[in-house]
Amino acid sequence: DPLPRLHRRLLHLGLAEAELTGLAAQARATVRQDWAQALAAPDPDPATFADHEFAPPAVLAEAGERAPVGAAKVLMVDAALHAVDDILREFPEALFYGQDVGGELGGVFREAALLAKKFGDYRVFNTPIQEAYIVGSTAG
């Protein structure tokens, strides 16, 4: 169980037992309060089951040209890389992570090559081959 280990580690780092006991009590109170709120909430309407399954689309209609005259052809993987690059540049809180995307490798198809060098290893990094971890981490 990681909690007793964390407790011992925090004591070793200088936190007081009373402080840890207080934090544990506060956490239990929060869980009890949230549990009571959940139990008191009305049951969801079955007709709205799929309402929040997907976010509403940001683009409702196509605009522009699919293949502008005179434009160079771009491979799908390159278009995706350009999009990720744009997002990382525009949103400093954005992260790009997954299987082998960090560092020099930059993904199985090198789709993210050099992104870590450009935006830093703290924003572009590898994760284990563990889909549940990746999905769970994006949910917070």
N, C-alpha and C. Protein backbone atom coordinates (compact mmCIF):
# COMPACT_ATOMS: atom_id res chain seq x y z
N ASP A 1 0.85 -1.18 0.00
CA ASP A 1 0.00 0.00 0.00
C ASP A 1 0.89 1.24 0.00
N PRO A 2 0.72 2.13 -0.95
CA PRO A 2 1.61 3.29 -1.04
C PRO A 2 1.38 4.34 0.04
N LEU A 3 0.20 4.40 0.63
CA LEU A 3 -0.07 5.45 1.62
C LEU A 3 0.80 5.34 2.87
N PRO A 4 0.93 4.17 3.48
CA PRO A 4 1.85 4.09 4.63
C PRO A 4 3.29 4.42 4.26
N ARG A 5 3.71 4.02 3.08
CA ARG A 5 5.07 4.35 2.63
C ARG A 5 5.22 5.86 2.47
N LEU A 6 4.23 6.50 1.87
CA LEU A 6 4.27 7.96 1.71
C LEU A 6 4.27 8.63 3.07
N HIS A 7 3.47 8.13 3.99
CA HIS A 7 3.40 8.68 5.35
C HIS A 7 4.79 8.64 6.00
N ARG A 8 5.43 7.48 5.94
CA ARG A 8 6.78 7.35 6.53
C ARG A 8 7.77 8.28 5.84
N ARG A 9 7.66 8.38 4.54
CA ARG A 9 8.58 9.25 3.78
C ARG A 9 8.39 10.71 4.18
N LEU A 10 7.16 11.14 4.30
CA LEU A 10 6.89 12.53 4.68
C LEU A 10 7.37 12.82 6.10
N LEU A 11 7.21 11.86 6.99
CA LEU A 11 7.75 12.02 8.35
C LEU A 11 9.27 12.15 8.29
N HIS A 12 9.89 11.32 7.48
CA HIS A 12 11.35 11.36 7.32
C HIS A 12 11.80 12.71 6.76
N LEU A 13 10.98 13.31 5.89
CA LEU A 13 11.32 14.60 5.30
C LEU A 13 11.03 15.78 6.22
N GLY A 14 10.47 15.49 7.41
CA GLY A 14 10.31 16.55 8.40
C GLY A 14 8.89 17.02 8.66
N LEU A 15 7.90 16.44 8.02
CA LEU A 15 6.54 16.84 8.33
C LEU A 15 6.15 16.26 9.68
N ALA A 16 5.31 16.97 10.40
CA ALA A 16 4.89 16.53 11.73
C ALA A 16 3.73 15.53 11.60
N GLU A 17 3.68 14.59 12.54
CA GLU A 17 2.60 13.59 12.57
C GLU A 17 1.24 14.28 12.64
N ALA A 18 1.15 15.35 13.43
CA ALA A 18 -0.13 16.06 13.57
C ALA A 18 -0.57 16.66 12.24
N GLU A 19 0.40 17.15 11.46
CA GLU A 19 0.07 17.73 10.16
C GLU A 19 -0.46 16.65 9.21
N LEU A 20 0.18 15.49 9.22
CA LEU A 20 -0.27 14.39 8.37
C LEU A 20 -1.64 13.87 8.80
N THR A 21 -1.86 13.79 10.11
CA THR A 21 -3.16 13.36 10.63
C THR A 21 -4.24 14.36 10.21
N GLY A 22 -3.92 15.64 10.28
CA GLY A 22 -4.87 16.67 9.86
C GLY A 22 -5.20 16.58 8.38
N LEU A 23 -4.18 16.34 7.55
CA LEU A 23 -4.42 16.19 6.11
C LEU A 23 -5.30 14.98 5.82
N ALA A 24 -5.05 13.88 6.53
CA ALA A 24 -5.86 12.68 6.33
C ALA A 24 -7.31 12.93 6.74
N ALA A 25 -7.50 13.62 7.86
CA ALA A 25 -8.86 13.93 8.32
C ALA A 25 -9.57 14.85 7.32
N GLN A 26 -8.84 15.82 6.80
CA GLN A 26 -9.41 16.73 5.81
C GLN A 26 -9.81 15.96 4.54
N ALA A 27 -8.97 15.03 4.11
CA ALA A 27 -9.28 14.23 2.92
C ALA A 27 -10.52 13.37 3.16
N ARG A 28 -10.61 12.74 4.34
CA ARG A 28 -11.79 11.92 4.66
C ARG A 28 -13.06 12.78 4.67
N ALA A 29 -12.97 13.99 5.24
CA ALA A 29 -14.13 14.88 5.29
C ALA A 29 -14.56 15.29 3.88
N THR A 30 -13.60 15.57 3.02
CA THR A 30 -13.92 15.94 1.64
C THR A 30 -14.61 14.80 0.92
N VAL A 31 -14.10 13.59 1.09
CA VAL A 31 -14.71 12.42 0.44
C VAL A 31 -16.12 12.20 0.97
N ARG A 32 -16.31 12.31 2.28
CA ARG A 32 -17.66 12.14 2.86
C ARG A 32 -18.63 13.18 2.30
N GLN A 33 -18.17 14.43 2.23
CA GLN A 33 -19.02 15.51 1.72
C GLN A 33 -19.38 15.26 0.25
N ASP A 34 -18.39 14.90 -0.55
CA ASP A 34 -18.65 14.63 -1.97
C ASP A 34 -19.56 13.42 -2.15
N TRP A 35 -19.38 12.40 -1.32
CA TRP A 35 -20.22 11.20 -1.37
C TRP A 35 -21.67 11.58 -1.06
N ALA A 36 -21.87 12.37 -0.03
CA ALA A 36 -23.22 12.80 0.34
C ALA A 36 -23.85 13.62 -0.79
N GLN A 37 -23.06 14.48 -1.41
CA GLN A 37 -23.56 15.30 -2.51
C GLN A 37 -23.96 14.40 -3.69
N ALA A 38 -23.15 13.40 -3.98
CA ALA A 38 -23.45 12.49 -5.08
C ALA A 38 -24.73 11.70 -4.80
N LEU A 39 -24.89 11.23 -3.56
CA LEU A 39 -26.10 10.48 -3.21
C LEU A 39 -27.35 11.34 -3.29
N ALA A 40 -27.22 12.62 -2.97
CA ALA A 40 -28.37 13.52 -2.98
C ALA A 40 -28.72 14.02 -4.38
N ALA A 41 -27.82 13.86 -5.32
CA ALA A 41 -28.06 14.35 -6.68
C ALA A 41 -29.17 13.55 -7.35
N PRO A 42 -29.95 14.21 -8.19
CA PRO A 42 -31.01 13.48 -8.90
C PRO A 42 -30.40 12.48 -9.88
N ASP A 43 -31.14 11.41 -10.14
CA ASP A 43 -30.68 10.44 -11.13
C ASP A 43 -30.66 11.10 -12.51
N PRO A 44 -29.70 10.75 -13.32
CA PRO A 44 -29.65 11.34 -14.66
C PRO A 44 -30.80 10.86 -15.53
N ASP A 45 -31.18 11.68 -16.47
CA ASP A 45 -32.24 11.33 -17.41
C ASP A 45 -31.65 10.39 -18.46
N PRO A 46 -32.18 9.17 -18.59
CA PRO A 46 -31.63 8.22 -19.57
C PRO A 46 -31.61 8.78 -21.00
N ALA A 47 -32.49 9.71 -21.30
CA ALA A 47 -32.54 10.28 -22.65
C ALA A 47 -31.29 11.10 -22.95
N THR A 48 -30.57 11.52 -21.92
CA THR A 48 -29.37 12.34 -22.13
C THR A 48 -28.09 11.51 -22.03
N PHE A 49 -28.23 10.19 -22.10
CA PHE A 49 -27.09 9.29 -21.90
C PHE A 49 -25.87 9.66 -22.75
N ALA A 50 -26.07 9.93 -24.02
CA ALA A 50 -24.94 10.16 -24.92
C ALA A 50 -24.61 11.63 -25.11
N ASP A 51 -25.26 12.51 -24.37
CA ASP A 51 -25.03 13.95 -24.56
C ASP A 51 -23.58 14.36 -24.37
N HIS A 52 -22.89 13.74 -23.45
CA HIS A 52 -21.53 14.17 -23.13
C HIS A 52 -20.49 13.14 -23.53
N GLU A 53 -20.88 12.26 -24.44
CA GLU A 53 -19.94 11.23 -24.89
C GLU A 53 -18.82 11.85 -25.73
N PHE A 54 -19.18 12.81 -26.54
CA PHE A 54 -18.21 13.49 -27.38
C PHE A 54 -18.40 15.00 -27.22
N ALA A 55 -17.30 15.72 -27.31
CA ALA A 55 -17.39 17.18 -27.29
C ALA A 55 -18.01 17.63 -28.61
N PRO A 56 -18.72 18.74 -28.59
CA PRO A 56 -19.28 19.23 -29.85
C PRO A 56 -18.13 19.60 -30.80
N PRO A 57 -18.32 19.39 -32.08
CA PRO A 57 -17.23 19.69 -33.02
C PRO A 57 -16.92 21.18 -33.05
N ALA A 58 -15.64 21.48 -33.14
CA ALA A 58 -15.22 22.89 -33.20
C ALA A 58 -15.48 23.45 -34.59
N VAL A 59 -15.44 22.60 -35.59
CA VAL A 59 -15.68 23.03 -36.97
C VAL A 59 -16.99 22.40 -37.42
N LEU A 60 -17.93 23.25 -37.79
CA LEU A 60 -19.24 22.75 -38.20
C LEU A 60 -19.38 22.67 -39.72
N ALA A 61 -18.58 23.45 -40.43
CA ALA A 61 -18.64 23.43 -41.89
C ALA A 61 -17.24 23.59 -42.44
N GLU A 62 -17.01 22.96 -43.56
CA GLU A 62 -15.69 23.04 -44.19
C GLU A 62 -15.52 24.43 -44.80
N ALA A 63 -14.32 24.96 -44.69
CA ALA A 63 -14.03 26.28 -45.26
C ALA A 63 -12.69 26.20 -45.98
N GLY A 64 -12.51 27.05 -46.95
CA GLY A 64 -11.24 27.07 -47.67
C GLY A 64 -11.20 26.00 -48.73
N GLU A 65 -10.01 25.81 -49.27
CA GLU A 65 -9.82 24.83 -50.32
C GLU A 65 -9.08 23.63 -49.78
N ARG A 66 -9.47 22.45 -50.22
CA ARG A 66 -8.76 21.25 -49.79
C ARG A 66 -7.37 21.20 -50.39
N ALA A 67 -7.23 21.59 -51.61
CA ALA A 67 -5.93 21.56 -52.28
C ALA A 67 -5.74 22.91 -52.98
N PRO A 68 -5.26 23.90 -52.24
CA PRO A 68 -5.07 25.22 -52.86
C PRO A 68 -4.18 25.13 -54.10
N VAL A 69 -4.52 25.90 -55.11
CA VAL A 69 -3.77 25.90 -56.36
C VAL A 69 -2.32 26.28 -56.09
N GLY A 70 -1.41 25.48 -56.60
CA GLY A 70 0.01 25.78 -56.47
C GLY A 70 0.63 25.37 -55.15
N ALA A 71 -0.15 24.87 -54.23
CA ALA A 71 0.39 24.49 -52.92
C ALA A 71 1.11 23.15 -53.03
N ALA A 72 2.16 23.00 -52.24
CA ALA A 72 2.89 21.74 -52.22
C ALA A 72 2.05 20.68 -51.52
N LYS A 73 2.16 19.46 -52.00
CA LYS A 73 1.44 18.36 -51.34
C LYS A 73 2.10 18.08 -50.00
N VAL A 74 1.29 17.77 -49.01
CA VAL A 74 1.79 17.48 -47.66
C VAL A 74 1.27 16.11 -47.25
N LEU A 75 2.17 15.27 -46.78
CA LEU A 75 1.76 13.96 -46.27
C LEU A 75 0.96 14.14 -44.98
N MET A 76 0.07 13.21 -44.72
CA MET A 76 -0.77 13.29 -43.52
C MET A 76 0.08 13.39 -42.26
N VAL A 77 1.15 12.59 -42.16
CA VAL A 77 1.98 12.61 -40.96
C VAL A 77 2.64 13.98 -40.79
N ASP A 78 3.02 14.62 -41.89
CA ASP A 78 3.61 15.96 -41.80
C ASP A 78 2.57 16.99 -41.40
N ALA A 79 1.36 16.86 -41.94
CA ALA A 79 0.29 17.78 -41.56
C ALA A 79 -0.01 17.67 -40.07
N ALA A 80 0.00 16.43 -39.56
CA ALA A 80 -0.23 16.24 -38.12
C ALA A 80 0.89 16.87 -37.31
N LEU A 81 2.12 16.71 -37.76
CA LEU A 81 3.26 17.31 -37.06
C LEU A 81 3.16 18.83 -37.06
N HIS A 82 2.78 19.41 -38.19
CA HIS A 82 2.61 20.87 -38.25
C HIS A 82 1.52 21.32 -37.27
N ALA A 83 0.44 20.55 -37.19
CA ALA A 83 -0.64 20.89 -36.26
C ALA A 83 -0.16 20.83 -34.81
N VAL A 84 0.57 19.77 -34.45
CA VAL A 84 1.10 19.65 -33.09
C VAL A 84 2.06 20.79 -32.80
N ASP A 85 2.91 21.11 -33.76
CA ASP A 85 3.86 22.22 -33.61
C ASP A 85 3.10 23.53 -33.35
N ASP A 86 2.04 23.77 -34.13
CA ASP A 86 1.24 24.98 -33.94
C ASP A 86 0.62 25.03 -32.54
N ILE A 87 0.08 23.90 -32.09
CA ILE A 87 -0.55 23.84 -30.77
C ILE A 87 0.46 24.10 -29.67
N LEU A 88 1.62 23.45 -29.74
CA LEU A 88 2.65 23.64 -28.71
C LEU A 88 3.16 25.08 -28.70
N ARG A 89 3.24 25.70 -29.87
CA ARG A 89 3.70 27.08 -29.93
C ARG A 89 2.65 28.04 -29.36
N GLU A 90 1.39 27.79 -29.68
CA GLU A 90 0.33 28.71 -29.26
C GLU A 90 -0.09 28.54 -27.80
N PHE A 91 -0.03 27.32 -27.30
CA PHE A 91 -0.50 27.03 -25.95
C PHE A 91 0.65 26.50 -25.09
N PRO A 92 1.27 27.36 -24.27
CA PRO A 92 2.43 26.92 -23.48
C PRO A 92 2.10 25.83 -22.47
N GLU A 93 0.83 25.63 -22.15
CA GLU A 93 0.46 24.58 -21.20
C GLU A 93 0.27 23.23 -21.89
N ALA A 94 0.30 23.20 -23.22
CA ALA A 94 0.07 21.96 -23.97
C ALA A 94 1.27 21.02 -23.84
N LEU A 95 0.96 19.73 -23.81
CA LEU A 95 1.97 18.68 -23.75
C LEU A 95 1.77 17.73 -24.92
N PHE A 96 2.85 17.08 -25.33
CA PHE A 96 2.76 16.03 -26.35
C PHE A 96 3.53 14.84 -25.82
N TYR A 97 2.82 13.76 -25.54
CA TYR A 97 3.51 12.61 -24.98
C TYR A 97 2.86 11.32 -25.45
N GLY A 98 3.67 10.27 -25.43
CA GLY A 98 3.19 8.97 -25.86
C GLY A 98 4.35 8.03 -26.05
N GLN A 99 4.09 6.94 -26.73
CA GLN A 99 5.11 5.91 -26.92
C GLN A 99 6.21 6.42 -27.85
N ASP A 100 7.40 6.56 -27.31
CA ASP A 100 8.60 6.91 -28.07
C ASP A 100 8.51 8.23 -28.84
N VAL A 101 7.73 9.20 -28.39
CA VAL A 101 7.65 10.46 -29.13
C VAL A 101 8.70 11.48 -28.69
N GLY A 102 9.27 11.29 -27.51
CA GLY A 102 10.24 12.26 -27.01
C GLY A 102 11.63 12.03 -27.57
N GLY A 103 12.49 12.97 -27.30
CA GLY A 103 13.89 12.85 -27.66
C GLY A 103 14.13 12.81 -29.15
N GLU A 104 15.22 12.20 -29.53
CA GLU A 104 15.62 12.15 -30.93
C GLU A 104 14.74 11.24 -31.78
N LEU A 105 14.20 10.17 -31.18
CA LEU A 105 13.41 9.22 -31.97
C LEU A 105 12.18 9.90 -32.55
N GLY A 106 11.40 10.56 -31.72
CA GLY A 106 10.26 11.30 -32.22
C GLY A 106 9.13 10.46 -32.77
N GLY A 107 8.93 9.28 -32.24
CA GLY A 107 7.82 8.44 -32.66
C GLY A 107 8.25 7.37 -33.64
N VAL A 108 7.38 6.40 -33.81
CA VAL A 108 7.67 5.26 -34.67
C VAL A 108 7.95 5.71 -36.11
N PHE A 109 7.24 6.72 -36.56
CA PHE A 109 7.42 7.24 -37.92
C PHE A 109 8.20 8.55 -37.93
N ARG A 110 8.85 8.85 -36.82
CA ARG A 110 9.60 10.09 -36.63
C ARG A 110 8.70 11.31 -36.81
N GLU A 111 7.41 11.12 -36.51
CA GLU A 111 6.45 12.20 -36.70
C GLU A 111 6.67 13.36 -35.75
N ALA A 112 7.35 13.12 -34.65
CA ALA A 112 7.57 14.18 -33.67
C ALA A 112 9.06 14.49 -33.53
N ALA A 113 9.83 14.08 -34.52
CA ALA A 113 11.28 14.29 -34.45
C ALA A 113 11.57 15.77 -34.22
N LEU A 114 12.42 16.03 -33.29
CA LEU A 114 12.93 17.36 -32.95
C LEU A 114 11.93 18.24 -32.19
N LEU A 115 10.71 17.77 -31.95
CA LEU A 115 9.78 18.57 -31.15
C LEU A 115 10.30 18.76 -29.73
N ALA A 116 10.90 17.70 -29.15
CA ALA A 116 11.43 17.81 -27.79
C ALA A 116 12.56 18.83 -27.75
N LYS A 117 13.38 18.84 -28.78
CA LYS A 117 14.47 19.81 -28.83
C LYS A 117 13.91 21.23 -28.93
N LYS A 118 12.85 21.39 -29.68
CA LYS A 118 12.25 22.70 -29.91
C LYS A 118 11.46 23.21 -28.70
N PHE A 119 10.70 22.31 -28.04
CA PHE A 119 9.81 22.73 -26.97
C PHE A 119 10.24 22.25 -25.59
N GLY A 120 11.25 21.41 -25.52
CA GLY A 120 11.75 20.94 -24.23
C GLY A 120 11.21 19.57 -23.84
N ASP A 121 12.06 18.84 -23.11
CA ASP A 121 11.69 17.49 -22.68
C ASP A 121 10.55 17.47 -21.67
N TYR A 122 10.26 18.60 -21.04
CA TYR A 122 9.17 18.64 -20.08
C TYR A 122 7.81 18.78 -20.78
N ARG A 123 7.80 19.12 -22.08
CA ARG A 123 6.54 19.24 -22.81
C ARG A 123 6.37 18.14 -23.86
N VAL A 124 7.45 17.55 -24.30
CA VAL A 124 7.41 16.47 -25.30
C VAL A 124 8.21 15.32 -24.72
N PHE A 125 7.52 14.24 -24.33
CA PHE A 125 8.23 13.18 -23.62
C PHE A 125 7.58 11.82 -23.85
N ASN A 126 8.36 10.79 -23.54
CA ASN A 126 7.92 9.41 -23.69
C ASN A 126 7.07 8.97 -22.50
N THR A 127 6.18 8.05 -22.77
CA THR A 127 5.43 7.39 -21.70
C THR A 127 5.51 5.89 -21.95
N PRO A 128 5.19 5.10 -20.95
CA PRO A 128 5.17 3.65 -21.17
C PRO A 128 4.12 3.27 -22.22
N ILE A 129 4.28 2.09 -22.76
CA ILE A 129 3.28 1.57 -23.70
C ILE A 129 2.12 1.08 -22.84
N GLN A 130 1.30 1.99 -22.41
CA GLN A 130 0.23 1.69 -21.46
C GLN A 130 -0.92 2.65 -21.78
N GLU A 131 -1.81 2.20 -22.66
CA GLU A 131 -2.88 3.06 -23.13
C GLU A 131 -3.74 3.59 -21.99
N ALA A 132 -4.02 2.75 -21.00
CA ALA A 132 -4.86 3.20 -19.88
C ALA A 132 -4.19 4.35 -19.14
N TYR A 133 -2.88 4.31 -18.99
CA TYR A 133 -2.15 5.41 -18.34
C TYR A 133 -2.30 6.69 -19.15
N ILE A 134 -2.09 6.58 -20.45
CA ILE A 134 -2.14 7.78 -21.30
C ILE A 134 -3.54 8.38 -21.26
N VAL A 135 -4.55 7.55 -21.44
CA VAL A 135 -5.93 8.06 -21.41
C VAL A 135 -6.25 8.64 -20.03
N GLY A 136 -5.88 7.93 -18.97
CA GLY A 136 -6.15 8.42 -17.62
C GLY A 136 -5.44 9.72 -17.32
N SER A 137 -4.22 9.87 -17.80
CA SER A 137 -3.48 11.10 -17.51
C SER A 137 -4.08 12.29 -18.24
N THR A 138 -4.67 12.07 -19.39
CA THR A 138 -5.29 13.19 -20.10
C THR A 138 -6.59 13.61 -19.44
N ALA A 139 -7.22 12.70 -18.72
CA ALA A 139 -8.46 13.03 -18.03
C ALA A 139 -8.19 13.76 -16.72
N GLY A 140 -6.95 13.73 -16.28
CA GLY A 140 -6.60 14.44 -15.05
C GLY A 140 -6.72 13.53 -13.89
